[in-house]
Amino acid sequence: MRQLVLARSTSLLELGLRRVAGGVRALARRLPRGAAFAAALVLAPVAPCSAEAELRVVATLPDLYVLTRAVAGTAATVGLVARFGQNPHDMEVRPSHMLLVRRADALVRNGLEEDSWIDVIVRGSNNPKAQRGSPNVIDASLGVEILKVPTGRVDRSLGDVHSTGNPHYTLDPGNLPTVTRNIAAGLARVAPEHTRAFEANREALLEKVAEVDRRWRTLLAPFRGARIVSHHDSWPYMFRAFGFVEGGIIEDRPGIPPSPQHLAGLVRRMRDEKAMVILLENWYAPDAANLVARETGAKVLAVPQTPGAVKGTDDYVAHLDYILTAIADALR
């Protein structure tokens, strides 16, 4: 009799929970889109908290994704917020991003405002593990020597200026020991049982990059000191790493179309300094770069600024190899 009563009570409880859930779903259908999604998050299943649960890591940007995937190996699944080939400055926050972050055990972020939209996503995800200050949040930039930190007042009139410095630090292979150390240490905080695996994976990646870096330097040695113009200020770390000189930037303010006066001054400078290559991040329109090229005789080189934007470049070495080989070919 007691078992019958317990079974009936459990059955009634399950029925009540189903009715509550059904009521919330019905309410969600009548709410505006944002509010409906918030209600959906309340109902979204949360991954079980057990030693056997799969470690879920989310990276904000493709460069951090490929590095995190290499360090994590088979010990974790790694998700990506910004798509391959997507300009992070044009990021549109979607409910799917919030669901992705909601399920994350760790979040790897750029740390220099290249992915500032992640704060909105984290708030919408309602995941305390992904909040700023959580030990599960990994700032990949810690300890990196940051270039082009602006001085003086910074506001929107200056365009999409990064007040904490240029965020494209992974384009210098010399920064990888620091960046991957941050990632490995952060993953080890979340899953200490995999610490040795993370460090072994990290060392394997660094050895691979060091080996190919020697080939890159040999390839580019004849072109040290070459002046290269860029559309957006994406390349200072790469220029420093391989001995190139910044020959100018087509944007006079980041994210804002250049003025005719700025382009005229850039053309004069390129002629004087013999800058013959323009790097165009392939998510930008080529109009201004093509105009400058016609006036100077320079070559426009459309390249992916992040991994995965071109087929076959979805790991760190393949991506940088694609860019550096293209530059060497253009400078010959």
Protein backbone atom coordinates (compact mmCIF):
# COMPACT_ATOMS: atom_id res chain seq x y z
CA MET A 1 0.00 0.00 0.00
CA ARG A 2 2.82 2.41 0.90
CA GLN A 3 4.50 1.77 -2.48
CA LEU A 4 1.20 2.45 -4.23
CA VAL A 5 0.79 5.78 -2.40
CA LEU A 6 4.38 6.82 -3.20
CA ALA A 7 3.97 5.87 -6.85
CA ARG A 8 0.75 7.85 -7.06
CA SER A 9 2.39 10.88 -5.36
CA THR A 10 5.33 10.77 -7.78
CA SER A 11 2.94 10.50 -10.67
CA LEU A 12 0.98 13.53 -9.47
CA LEU A 13 4.21 15.52 -8.99
CA GLU A 14 5.37 14.74 -12.52
CA LEU A 15 1.95 15.73 -13.87
CA GLY A 16 2.14 19.03 -11.97
CA LEU A 17 5.63 19.78 -13.30
CA ARG A 18 4.53 19.04 -16.84
CA ARG A 19 1.61 21.44 -16.43
CA VAL A 20 3.90 24.18 -15.07
CA ALA A 21 6.33 23.71 -17.96
CA GLY A 22 3.49 23.73 -20.43
CA GLY A 23 2.18 26.95 -18.92
CA VAL A 24 5.57 28.65 -19.23
CA ARG A 25 5.87 27.53 -22.86
CA ALA A 26 2.41 28.83 -23.63
CA LEU A 27 3.30 32.13 -21.99
CA ALA A 28 6.56 32.29 -23.95
CA ARG A 29 4.62 32.01 -27.22
CA ARG A 30 2.66 35.14 -26.28
CA LEU A 31 5.70 37.17 -25.19
CA PRO A 32 7.92 39.38 -27.37
CA ARG A 33 10.90 37.58 -28.86
CA GLY A 34 13.47 38.63 -26.22
CA ALA A 35 11.22 37.85 -23.29
CA ALA A 36 10.17 34.57 -24.84
CA PHE A 37 13.81 33.57 -25.14
CA ALA A 38 14.41 34.43 -21.48
CA ALA A 39 11.56 32.11 -20.57
CA ALA A 40 13.07 29.43 -22.80
CA LEU A 41 16.36 29.72 -20.94
CA VAL A 42 14.57 28.96 -17.68
CA LEU A 43 13.41 25.68 -19.20
CA ALA A 44 16.68 24.85 -20.95
CA PRO A 45 18.35 21.72 -19.57
CA VAL A 46 21.56 22.21 -17.66
CA ALA A 47 24.42 19.74 -18.10
CA PRO A 48 24.69 17.33 -15.18
CA CYS A 49 27.33 18.22 -12.61
CA SER A 50 29.33 15.05 -12.24
CA ALA A 51 32.88 13.86 -12.70
CA GLU A 52 31.73 11.98 -15.80
CA ALA A 53 30.16 15.01 -17.48
CA GLU A 54 31.90 16.14 -20.67
CA LEU A 55 33.92 19.34 -20.30
CA ARG A 56 32.41 22.05 -22.48
CA VAL A 57 34.52 25.07 -23.43
CA VAL A 58 33.46 28.06 -25.53
CA ALA A 59 35.86 30.44 -27.30
CA THR A 60 34.69 33.82 -28.52
CA LEU A 61 36.83 34.16 -31.67
CA PRO A 62 38.23 31.78 -34.30
CA ASP A 63 41.89 32.33 -33.36
CA LEU A 64 41.16 31.46 -29.74
CA TYR A 65 39.00 28.55 -30.85
CA VAL A 66 41.76 26.84 -32.86
CA LEU A 67 44.29 27.34 -30.05
CA THR A 68 41.89 26.14 -27.36
CA ARG A 69 40.93 23.12 -29.43
CA ALA A 70 44.63 22.22 -29.79
CA VAL A 71 45.30 22.57 -26.04
CA ALA A 72 42.11 20.81 -24.92
CA GLY A 73 42.54 17.83 -27.23
CA THR A 74 40.09 15.04 -26.50
CA ALA A 75 39.51 16.20 -22.93
CA ALA A 76 36.85 18.75 -23.93
CA THR A 77 34.51 19.85 -26.66
CA VAL A 78 35.15 23.40 -27.85
CA GLY A 79 32.44 25.66 -29.22
CA LEU A 80 32.82 28.94 -31.12
CA VAL A 81 30.68 32.08 -30.86
CA ALA A 82 31.85 34.14 -33.88
CA ARG A 83 31.66 32.14 -37.12
CA PHE A 84 34.69 31.44 -39.31
CA GLY A 85 35.08 34.40 -41.65
CA GLN A 86 32.83 36.70 -39.62
CA ASN A 87 34.00 40.25 -38.94
CA PRO A 88 33.80 40.47 -35.12
CA HIS A 89 33.04 44.19 -35.36
CA ASP A 90 29.76 43.31 -37.11
CA MET A 91 28.69 40.66 -34.62
CA GLU A 92 24.94 40.28 -34.13
CA VAL A 93 24.06 38.66 -30.81
CA ARG A 94 21.61 35.78 -31.23
CA PRO A 95 19.69 33.52 -28.83
CA SER A 96 21.76 30.57 -30.07
CA HIS A 97 24.88 32.28 -28.71
CA MET A 98 23.30 32.53 -25.27
CA LEU A 99 22.36 28.86 -25.30
CA LEU A 100 25.90 27.94 -26.31
CA VAL A 101 27.41 29.93 -23.43
CA ARG A 102 24.75 28.74 -20.98
CA ARG A 103 26.08 25.19 -21.31
CA ALA A 104 29.77 26.15 -21.06
CA ASP A 105 32.03 25.07 -18.21
CA ALA A 106 34.72 27.54 -19.31
CA LEU A 107 34.87 30.62 -21.52
CA VAL A 108 37.99 31.75 -23.41
CA ARG A 109 37.94 35.43 -24.37
CA ASN A 110 40.25 37.91 -26.11
CA GLY A 111 40.52 40.34 -23.20
CA LEU A 112 41.07 43.45 -25.37
CA GLU A 113 37.53 44.34 -26.51
CA GLU A 114 37.69 42.49 -29.83
CA ASP A 115 34.86 40.38 -28.41
CA SER A 116 33.17 42.95 -26.16
CA TRP A 117 29.77 41.63 -27.31
CA ILE A 118 30.40 38.51 -25.23
CA ASP A 119 29.33 40.41 -22.10
CA VAL A 120 25.82 40.78 -23.53
CA ILE A 121 25.76 37.09 -24.42
CA VAL A 122 26.98 36.07 -20.96
CA ARG A 123 24.30 38.13 -19.22
CA GLY A 124 21.64 36.54 -21.40
CA SER A 125 23.03 33.06 -20.80
CA ASN A 126 22.47 33.22 -17.04
CA ASN A 127 25.58 31.09 -16.56
CA PRO A 128 27.59 32.13 -13.47
CA LYS A 129 30.63 30.23 -14.74
CA ALA A 130 30.93 32.64 -17.67
CA GLN A 131 30.60 35.88 -15.71
CA ARG A 132 33.55 38.26 -15.39
CA GLY A 133 35.58 37.39 -12.31
CA SER A 134 34.72 33.69 -12.45
CA PRO A 135 37.75 31.34 -12.34
CA ASN A 136 36.17 29.60 -15.34
CA VAL A 137 36.70 32.68 -17.54
CA ILE A 138 40.07 32.62 -19.33
CA ASP A 139 41.57 35.91 -20.52
CA ALA A 140 44.00 34.82 -23.23
CA SER A 141 45.77 38.20 -23.31
CA LEU A 142 47.24 38.13 -19.78
CA GLY A 143 51.00 38.65 -19.89
CA VAL A 144 51.12 39.55 -23.60
CA GLU A 145 53.00 42.74 -24.53
CA ILE A 146 50.15 44.79 -25.96
CA LEU A 147 50.85 47.11 -28.89
CA LYS A 148 49.21 50.41 -29.80
CA VAL A 149 47.56 51.22 -26.49
CA PRO A 150 45.97 54.63 -27.13
CA THR A 151 46.83 57.61 -24.98
CA GLY A 152 44.52 60.49 -24.18
CA ARG A 153 40.76 60.53 -24.47
CA VAL A 154 39.09 57.72 -26.40
CA ASP A 155 35.47 58.05 -27.58
CA ARG A 156 33.24 56.96 -30.44
CA SER A 157 34.28 59.93 -32.59
CA LEU A 158 37.59 58.09 -33.10
CA GLY A 159 35.81 55.04 -34.56
CA ASP A 160 36.16 51.49 -33.27
CA VAL A 161 39.32 52.22 -31.30
CA HIS A 162 40.30 49.54 -28.78
CA SER A 163 41.04 51.51 -25.62
CA THR A 164 43.07 48.63 -24.13
CA GLY A 165 45.33 48.19 -27.17
CA ASN A 166 45.46 46.26 -30.42
CA PRO A 167 43.70 42.90 -29.92
CA HIS A 168 45.28 40.87 -32.78
CA TYR A 169 48.12 39.47 -30.68
CA THR A 170 47.81 35.84 -31.85
CA LEU A 171 49.19 36.81 -35.28
CA ASP A 172 52.67 36.86 -33.70
CA PRO A 173 53.81 33.25 -33.08
CA GLY A 174 56.06 34.63 -30.36
CA ASN A 175 52.98 35.33 -28.26
CA LEU A 176 51.74 31.73 -28.39
CA PRO A 177 53.68 30.47 -25.34
CA THR A 178 51.92 33.09 -23.21
CA VAL A 179 48.49 32.73 -24.81
CA THR A 180 48.46 28.93 -24.64
CA ARG A 181 49.79 29.02 -21.07
CA ASN A 182 46.76 31.11 -20.13
CA ILE A 183 44.44 28.67 -21.87
CA ALA A 184 46.04 25.55 -20.37
CA ALA A 185 46.06 27.04 -16.86
CA GLY A 186 42.42 28.09 -17.17
CA LEU A 187 41.31 24.68 -18.39
CA ALA A 188 43.27 23.04 -15.57
CA ARG A 189 41.40 25.17 -13.02
CA VAL A 190 38.14 23.78 -14.34
CA ALA A 191 39.28 20.19 -14.93
CA PRO A 192 42.44 19.56 -12.84
CA GLU A 193 42.34 15.84 -13.63
CA HIS A 194 43.36 16.72 -17.21
CA THR A 195 46.22 19.09 -16.32
CA ARG A 196 48.93 16.83 -17.73
CA ALA A 197 47.04 16.29 -20.96
CA PHE A 198 46.51 20.02 -21.44
CA GLU A 199 50.19 20.75 -20.91
CA ALA A 200 51.28 17.90 -23.22
CA ASN A 201 48.95 19.17 -25.95
CA ARG A 202 50.26 22.71 -25.46
CA GLU A 203 53.88 21.60 -25.77
CA ALA A 204 53.09 19.64 -28.93
CA LEU A 205 51.45 22.70 -30.48
CA LEU A 206 54.36 24.99 -29.56
CA GLU A 207 56.87 22.53 -31.03
CA LYS A 208 54.90 22.39 -34.28
CA VAL A 209 54.70 26.18 -34.50
CA ALA A 210 58.41 26.61 -33.66
CA GLU A 211 59.34 24.20 -36.44
CA VAL A 212 57.29 25.94 -39.11
CA ASP A 213 58.26 29.39 -37.78
CA ARG A 214 61.85 28.67 -38.84
CA ARG A 215 60.61 28.03 -42.37
CA TRP A 216 58.53 31.22 -42.33
CA ARG A 217 61.53 33.32 -41.30
CA THR A 218 63.67 31.83 -44.05
CA LEU A 219 60.91 32.49 -46.59
CA LEU A 220 60.48 36.12 -45.51
CA ALA A 221 64.12 37.01 -44.82
CA PRO A 222 64.64 38.67 -48.25
CA PHE A 223 61.71 41.01 -47.56
CA ARG A 224 62.63 42.32 -44.10
CA GLY A 225 61.97 46.04 -43.97
CA ALA A 226 59.32 45.90 -46.72
CA ARG A 227 56.54 48.44 -46.21
CA ILE A 228 53.04 47.02 -46.26
CA VAL A 229 49.78 48.97 -46.15
CA SER A 230 46.66 47.51 -44.54
CA HIS A 231 42.98 48.34 -44.79
CA HIS A 232 42.34 47.92 -41.03
CA ASP A 233 44.94 48.01 -38.27
CA SER A 234 45.00 44.21 -37.92
CA TRP A 235 48.68 43.38 -38.43
CA PRO A 236 51.09 45.20 -36.07
CA TYR A 237 52.02 42.01 -34.20
CA MET A 238 52.67 40.11 -37.43
CA PHE A 239 54.65 43.02 -38.89
CA ARG A 240 56.86 43.14 -35.80
CA ALA A 241 57.33 39.37 -35.75
CA PHE A 242 58.55 39.11 -39.35
CA GLY A 243 60.33 42.41 -39.86
CA PHE A 244 57.81 44.27 -41.98
CA VAL A 245 57.17 48.01 -41.65
CA GLU A 246 53.69 49.50 -41.48
CA GLY A 247 53.34 51.60 -44.62
CA GLY A 248 49.99 53.16 -43.71
CA ILE A 249 46.37 52.26 -43.01
CA ILE A 250 43.53 52.92 -45.41
CA GLU A 251 41.07 53.59 -42.59
CA ASP A 252 41.90 56.90 -40.93
CA ARG A 253 39.53 55.92 -38.11
CA PRO A 254 38.74 52.24 -37.47
CA GLY A 255 35.40 51.16 -38.90
CA ILE A 256 34.76 54.50 -40.65
CA PRO A 257 35.21 54.97 -44.43
CA PRO A 258 38.37 57.00 -45.18
CA SER A 259 38.11 60.59 -46.30
CA PRO A 260 39.43 61.68 -49.73
CA GLN A 261 42.08 63.78 -47.98
CA HIS A 262 43.32 60.78 -46.01
CA LEU A 263 43.53 58.61 -49.12
CA ALA A 264 45.39 61.32 -51.05
CA GLY A 265 47.94 61.58 -48.23
CA LEU A 266 48.30 57.79 -48.13
CA VAL A 267 48.91 57.65 -51.89
CA ARG A 268 51.68 60.27 -51.60
CA ARG A 269 53.29 58.38 -48.72
CA MET A 270 53.16 55.03 -50.56
CA ARG A 271 54.81 56.56 -53.64
CA ASP A 272 57.54 58.13 -51.53
CA GLU A 273 58.23 55.01 -49.46
CA LYS A 274 57.75 52.45 -52.26
CA ALA A 275 54.99 50.51 -50.47
CA MET A 276 53.78 48.00 -53.05
CA VAL A 277 51.45 45.64 -51.16
CA ILE A 278 48.06 46.35 -49.56
CA LEU A 279 46.67 43.78 -47.14
CA LEU A 280 42.88 43.70 -47.33
CA GLU A 281 41.08 41.65 -44.68
CA ASN A 282 38.71 39.68 -46.87
CA TRP A 283 35.55 40.66 -44.99
CA TYR A 284 35.96 44.32 -46.07
CA ALA A 285 34.81 45.81 -49.37
CA PRO A 286 37.77 46.29 -51.75
CA ASP A 287 36.75 49.67 -53.21
CA ALA A 288 39.14 51.92 -51.28
CA ALA A 289 42.02 49.45 -51.52
CA ASN A 290 41.53 49.11 -55.28
CA LEU A 291 41.46 52.89 -55.67
CA VAL A 292 44.74 53.29 -53.79
CA ALA A 293 46.27 50.40 -55.78
CA ARG A 294 45.37 52.05 -59.11
CA GLU A 295 47.01 55.30 -58.01
CA THR A 296 50.20 53.66 -56.71
CA GLY A 297 50.64 50.46 -58.72
CA ALA A 298 50.47 48.40 -55.53
CA LYS A 299 49.03 44.89 -55.33
CA VAL A 300 45.88 44.27 -53.28
CA LEU A 301 46.20 41.06 -51.31
CA ALA A 302 42.86 39.85 -49.88
CA VAL A 303 43.63 37.57 -46.93
CA PRO A 304 41.71 36.08 -43.99
CA GLN A 305 42.47 37.88 -40.75
CA THR A 306 41.30 34.90 -38.68
CA PRO A 307 41.52 31.11 -39.13
CA GLY A 308 38.89 29.18 -41.05
CA ALA A 309 37.75 31.96 -43.37
CA VAL A 310 39.42 30.17 -46.30
CA LYS A 311 39.15 26.44 -46.90
CA GLY A 312 42.06 24.55 -45.39
CA THR A 313 43.03 27.28 -42.88
CA ASP A 314 41.13 26.03 -39.85
CA ASP A 315 44.17 25.57 -37.62
CA TYR A 316 46.77 28.08 -36.47
CA VAL A 317 49.68 26.93 -38.62
CA ALA A 318 47.63 26.57 -41.81
CA HIS A 319 46.10 30.02 -41.35
CA LEU A 320 49.36 31.89 -40.78
CA ASP A 321 51.09 29.88 -43.49
CA TYR A 322 48.42 30.98 -45.97
CA ILE A 323 48.94 34.68 -45.12
CA LEU A 324 52.76 34.64 -45.04
CA THR A 325 53.09 32.64 -48.26
CA ALA A 326 50.74 35.08 -50.01
CA ILE A 327 52.78 38.05 -48.76
CA ALA A 328 56.05 36.50 -49.93
CA ASP A 329 54.56 35.81 -53.37
CA ALA A 330 53.28 39.40 -53.63
CA LEU A 331 56.63 40.91 -52.65
CA ARG A 332 58.67 38.92 -55.18
